[in-house]
Amino acid sequence: MKALLQVTIVVFLHLIIIYLLGMKTGKLEVEVVKQMFIMYAAPIILLNVSCKIALKTEKLRYNISWLVISIVPSTRILFYLKELQGKESRGSGVVDLSFFDMKPDFDPAFDHISLIYLFPMIYFCIQLVLIFLLLIMIVTKEKSIAD
């Protein structure tokens, strides 16, 4: 129950940040909602799994690490995506979209692409890395206790 509450808090915090930044996905038609559900299902499941792993250790340090890693990088990515929406200059940031040959300054559908496709994929990768790191930390800690 505690994991579900923490995951809900993180999701709502992201939604509040998206709302405050004024990022849009376009018209919320049935097809867009289906795409959003499909794209956000896996990152939210991984968020829940990583939270359960952190809570299972019963250590505050793991739980705080989970919270920070689940919020800070993704918030920075959201700010960077918002910066790309409104500016022609391409400063340094977390993700260099020139690698993908995207031109967000000239593409009116960039809001749609960034929130429905790009952000969930990046968050999915963040959660995979977090789960991997948590498992490594737990296994090495258990191995040092057994020795």
C-alpha atoms as a PDB file:
ATOM      1  CA  MET A   1       0.000   0.000   0.000  1.00  0.00           C
ATOM      2  CA  LYS A   2       2.875   2.321   0.825  1.00  0.00           C
ATOM      3  CA  ALA A   3       4.445   1.684  -2.602  1.00  0.00           C
ATOM      4  CA  LEU A   4       1.203   2.560  -4.369  1.00  0.00           C
ATOM      5  CA  LEU A   5       0.953   5.805  -2.389  1.00  0.00           C
ATOM      6  CA  GLN A   6       4.530   6.803  -3.185  1.00  0.00           C
ATOM      7  CA  VAL A   7       4.118   5.985  -6.891  1.00  0.00           C
ATOM      8  CA  THR A   8       0.919   8.041  -6.978  1.00  0.00           C
ATOM      9  CA  ILE A   9       2.717  10.989  -5.381  1.00  0.00           C
ATOM     10  CA  VAL A  10       5.518  10.825  -7.964  1.00  0.00           C
ATOM     11  CA  VAL A  11       3.030  10.582 -10.860  1.00  0.00           C
ATOM     12  CA  PHE A  12       0.986  13.543  -9.581  1.00  0.00           C
ATOM     13  CA  LEU A  13       4.152  15.564  -9.040  1.00  0.00           C
ATOM     14  CA  HIS A  14       5.096  14.983 -12.681  1.00  0.00           C
ATOM     15  CA  LEU A  15       1.586  15.948 -13.808  1.00  0.00           C
ATOM     16  CA  ILE A  16       1.770  19.166 -11.772  1.00  0.00           C
ATOM     17  CA  ILE A  17       5.144  20.029 -13.316  1.00  0.00           C
ATOM     18  CA  ILE A  18       3.798  19.359 -16.819  1.00  0.00           C
ATOM     19  CA  TYR A  19       0.772  21.554 -16.075  1.00  0.00           C
ATOM     20  CA  LEU A  20       2.880  24.387 -14.628  1.00  0.00           C
ATOM     21  CA  LEU A  21       5.224  24.290 -17.616  1.00  0.00           C
ATOM     22  CA  GLY A  22       2.226  24.551 -19.933  1.00  0.00           C
ATOM     23  CA  MET A  23       3.200  21.528 -21.991  1.00  0.00           C
ATOM     24  CA  LYS A  24       0.399  20.130 -24.120  1.00  0.00           C
ATOM     25  CA  THR A  25      -0.314  16.875 -25.869  1.00  0.00           C
ATOM     26  CA  GLY A  26      -2.776  18.399 -28.279  1.00  0.00           C
ATOM     27  CA  LYS A  27      -6.432  17.471 -28.291  1.00  0.00           C
ATOM     28  CA  LEU A  28      -7.254  14.650 -25.908  1.00  0.00           C
ATOM     29  CA  GLU A  29      -9.045  12.435 -28.358  1.00  0.00           C
ATOM     30  CA  VAL A  30      -9.655   8.746 -27.781  1.00  0.00           C
ATOM     31  CA  GLU A  31      -6.655   7.752 -29.906  1.00  0.00           C
ATOM     32  CA  VAL A  32      -4.317  10.108 -28.006  1.00  0.00           C
ATOM     33  CA  VAL A  33      -5.510   8.754 -24.659  1.00  0.00           C
ATOM     34  CA  LYS A  34      -4.916   5.192 -25.880  1.00  0.00           C
ATOM     35  CA  GLN A  35      -1.385   6.118 -26.990  1.00  0.00           C
ATOM     36  CA  MET A  36      -0.681   7.776 -23.656  1.00  0.00           C
ATOM     37  CA  PHE A  37      -1.964   4.745 -21.748  1.00  0.00           C
ATOM     38  CA  ILE A  38       0.190   2.390 -23.794  1.00  0.00           C
ATOM     39  CA  MET A  39       3.319   4.531 -23.554  1.00  0.00           C
ATOM     40  CA  TYR A  40       3.024   5.325 -19.829  1.00  0.00           C
ATOM     41  CA  ALA A  41       2.014   1.840 -18.631  1.00  0.00           C
ATOM     42  CA  ALA A  42       5.517   0.342 -18.706  1.00  0.00           C
ATOM     43  CA  PRO A  43       7.295   3.276 -16.959  1.00  0.00           C
ATOM     44  CA  ILE A  44       4.644   3.325 -14.220  1.00  0.00           C
ATOM     45  CA  ILE A  45       4.937  -0.441 -13.721  1.00  0.00           C
ATOM     46  CA  LEU A  46       8.724  -0.106 -13.467  1.00  0.00           C
ATOM     47  CA  LEU A  47       8.277   2.820 -11.063  1.00  0.00           C
ATOM     48  CA  ASN A  48       6.131   0.585  -8.880  1.00  0.00           C
ATOM     49  CA  VAL A  49       8.654  -2.280  -9.053  1.00  0.00           C
ATOM     50  CA  SER A  50      11.581  -0.029  -8.133  1.00  0.00           C
ATOM     51  CA  CYS A  51       9.568   1.431  -5.246  1.00  0.00           C
ATOM     52  CA  LYS A  52       8.765  -2.039  -3.903  1.00  0.00           C
ATOM     53  CA  ILE A  53      12.424  -3.024  -4.137  1.00  0.00           C
ATOM     54  CA  ALA A  54      13.466   0.105  -2.241  1.00  0.00           C
ATOM     55  CA  LEU A  55      10.789  -0.417   0.418  1.00  0.00           C
ATOM     56  CA  LYS A  56      11.634  -4.105   0.839  1.00  0.00           C
ATOM     57  CA  THR A  57      15.072  -3.180   2.160  1.00  0.00           C
ATOM     58  CA  GLU A  58      13.389  -1.287   5.021  1.00  0.00           C
ATOM     59  CA  LYS A  59      16.128   1.327   4.913  1.00  0.00           C
ATOM     60  CA  LEU A  60      15.370   5.009   4.657  1.00  0.00           C
ATOM     61  CA  ARG A  61      18.474   5.570   2.523  1.00  0.00           C
ATOM     62  CA  TYR A  62      17.153   3.333  -0.274  1.00  0.00           C
ATOM     63  CA  ASN A  63      13.719   4.937  -0.147  1.00  0.00           C
ATOM     64  CA  ILE A  64      15.136   8.467  -0.346  1.00  0.00           C
ATOM     65  CA  SER A  65      17.432   7.392  -3.195  1.00  0.00           C
ATOM     66  CA  TRP A  66      14.421   5.970  -5.039  1.00  0.00           C
ATOM     67  CA  LEU A  67      12.478   9.195  -4.550  1.00  0.00           C
ATOM     68  CA  VAL A  68      15.322  11.453  -5.703  1.00  0.00           C
ATOM     69  CA  ILE A  69      16.186   9.337  -8.748  1.00  0.00           C
ATOM     70  CA  SER A  70      12.515   9.030  -9.696  1.00  0.00           C
ATOM     71  CA  ILE A  71      11.919  12.787  -9.593  1.00  0.00           C
ATOM     72  CA  VAL A  72      15.065  14.836 -10.265  1.00  0.00           C
ATOM     73  CA  PRO A  73      16.274  13.490 -13.665  1.00  0.00           C
ATOM     74  CA  SER A  74      12.777  13.369 -15.137  1.00  0.00           C
ATOM     75  CA  THR A  75      12.009  16.883 -13.924  1.00  0.00           C
ATOM     76  CA  ARG A  76      15.172  18.121 -15.608  1.00  0.00           C
ATOM     77  CA  ILE A  77      14.151  16.359 -18.811  1.00  0.00           C
ATOM     78  CA  LEU A  78      10.723  18.001 -18.680  1.00  0.00           C
ATOM     79  CA  PHE A  79      12.317  21.429 -18.309  1.00  0.00           C
ATOM     80  CA  TYR A  80      14.647  20.666 -21.196  1.00  0.00           C
ATOM     81  CA  LEU A  81      11.770  19.532 -23.423  1.00  0.00           C
ATOM     82  CA  LYS A  82       9.888  22.714 -22.557  1.00  0.00           C
ATOM     83  CA  GLU A  83      12.973  24.737 -23.446  1.00  0.00           C
ATOM     84  CA  LEU A  84      13.133  23.008 -26.820  1.00  0.00           C
ATOM     85  CA  GLN A  85       9.508  23.875 -27.523  1.00  0.00           C
ATOM     86  CA  GLY A  86       9.936  27.602 -27.304  1.00  0.00           C
ATOM     87  CA  LYS A  87      13.485  28.437 -28.306  1.00  0.00           C
ATOM     88  CA  GLU A  88      15.462  28.205 -31.487  1.00  0.00           C
ATOM     89  CA  SER A  89      18.782  28.057 -29.666  1.00  0.00           C
ATOM     90  CA  ARG A  90      19.999  24.650 -28.659  1.00  0.00           C
ATOM     91  CA  GLY A  91      21.885  24.942 -25.416  1.00  0.00           C
ATOM     92  CA  SER A  92      23.450  22.066 -23.579  1.00  0.00           C
ATOM     93  CA  GLY A  93      20.949  19.762 -21.925  1.00  0.00           C
ATOM     94  CA  VAL A  94      20.176  16.229 -20.924  1.00  0.00           C
ATOM     95  CA  VAL A  95      19.109  14.978 -24.358  1.00  0.00           C
ATOM     96  CA  ASP A  96      20.572  16.148 -27.644  1.00  0.00           C
ATOM     97  CA  LEU A  97      17.755  15.750 -30.154  1.00  0.00           C
ATOM     98  CA  SER A  98      19.983  16.640 -33.094  1.00  0.00           C
ATOM     99  CA  PHE A  99      21.171  13.027 -32.893  1.00  0.00           C
ATOM    100  CA  PHE A 100      17.640  11.951 -33.875  1.00  0.00           C
ATOM    101  CA  ASP A 101      17.540  14.591 -36.606  1.00  0.00           C
ATOM    102  CA  MET A 102      14.453  16.180 -35.041  1.00  0.00           C
ATOM    103  CA  LYS A 103      13.599  19.803 -35.582  1.00  0.00           C
ATOM    104  CA  PRO A 104      11.304  20.649 -32.664  1.00  0.00           C
ATOM    105  CA  ASP A 105      11.407  24.401 -33.360  1.00  0.00           C
ATOM    106  CA  PHE A 106       9.703  23.958 -36.715  1.00  0.00           C
ATOM    107  CA  ASP A 107       7.450  21.031 -35.858  1.00  0.00           C
ATOM    108  CA  PRO A 108       4.115  22.032 -34.278  1.00  0.00           C
ATOM    109  CA  ALA A 109       3.540  18.426 -33.177  1.00  0.00           C
ATOM    110  CA  PHE A 110       6.663  18.408 -30.976  1.00  0.00           C
ATOM    111  CA  ASP A 111       4.560  18.834 -27.803  1.00  0.00           C
ATOM    112  CA  HIS A 112       2.697  15.684 -28.752  1.00  0.00           C
ATOM    113  CA  ILE A 113       5.862  13.748 -29.595  1.00  0.00           C
ATOM    114  CA  SER A 114       7.792  14.824 -26.494  1.00  0.00           C
ATOM    115  CA  LEU A 115       5.092  14.016 -23.928  1.00  0.00           C
ATOM    116  CA  ILE A 116       3.579  10.933 -25.481  1.00  0.00           C
ATOM    117  CA  TYR A 117       6.656   9.204 -26.896  1.00  0.00           C
ATOM    118  CA  LEU A 118       9.991  10.722 -25.885  1.00  0.00           C
ATOM    119  CA  PHE A 119       9.416  11.375 -22.167  1.00  0.00           C
ATOM    120  CA  PRO A 120       7.989   7.899 -21.354  1.00  0.00           C
ATOM    121  CA  MET A 121      10.851   6.184 -23.190  1.00  0.00           C
ATOM    122  CA  ILE A 122      13.447   8.200 -21.277  1.00  0.00           C
ATOM    123  CA  TYR A 123      11.660   7.593 -17.968  1.00  0.00           C
ATOM    124  CA  PHE A 124      11.474   3.871 -18.775  1.00  0.00           C
ATOM    125  CA  CYS A 125      15.274   3.835 -19.194  1.00  0.00           C
ATOM    126  CA  ILE A 126      15.764   5.766 -15.934  1.00  0.00           C
ATOM    127  CA  GLN A 127      13.654   3.230 -14.039  1.00  0.00           C
ATOM    128  CA  LEU A 128      15.462   0.260 -15.611  1.00  0.00           C
ATOM    129  CA  VAL A 129      18.799   1.684 -14.514  1.00  0.00           C
ATOM    130  CA  LEU A 130      17.396   2.414 -11.045  1.00  0.00           C
ATOM    131  CA  ILE A 131      16.124  -1.159 -10.631  1.00  0.00           C
ATOM    132  CA  PHE A 132      19.475  -2.517 -11.775  1.00  0.00           C
ATOM    133  CA  LEU A 133      21.358  -0.270  -9.318  1.00  0.00           C
ATOM    134  CA  LEU A 134      19.045  -1.134  -6.426  1.00  0.00           C
ATOM    135  CA  LEU A 135      19.489  -4.847  -7.075  1.00  0.00           C
ATOM    136  CA  ILE A 136      23.269  -4.455  -7.218  1.00  0.00           C
ATOM    137  CA  MET A 137      23.249  -2.480  -3.964  1.00  0.00           C
ATOM    138  CA  ILE A 138      21.079  -5.095  -2.240  1.00  0.00           C
ATOM    139  CA  VAL A 139      23.091  -8.079  -3.494  1.00  0.00           C
ATOM    140  CA  THR A 140      26.450  -6.547  -2.557  1.00  0.00           C
ATOM    141  CA  LYS A 141      25.117  -5.555   0.849  1.00  0.00           C
ATOM    142  CA  GLU A 142      23.789  -9.096   1.512  1.00  0.00           C
ATOM    143  CA  LYS A 143      27.036 -10.627   0.269  1.00  0.00           C
ATOM    144  CA  SER A 144      29.133  -8.437   2.617  1.00  0.00           C
ATOM    145  CA  ILE A 145      26.885  -9.376   5.556  1.00  0.00           C
ATOM    146  CA  ALA A 146      27.214 -13.098   4.742  1.00  0.00           C
ATOM    147  CA  ASP A 147      31.022 -12.896   4.642  1.00  0.00           C
END
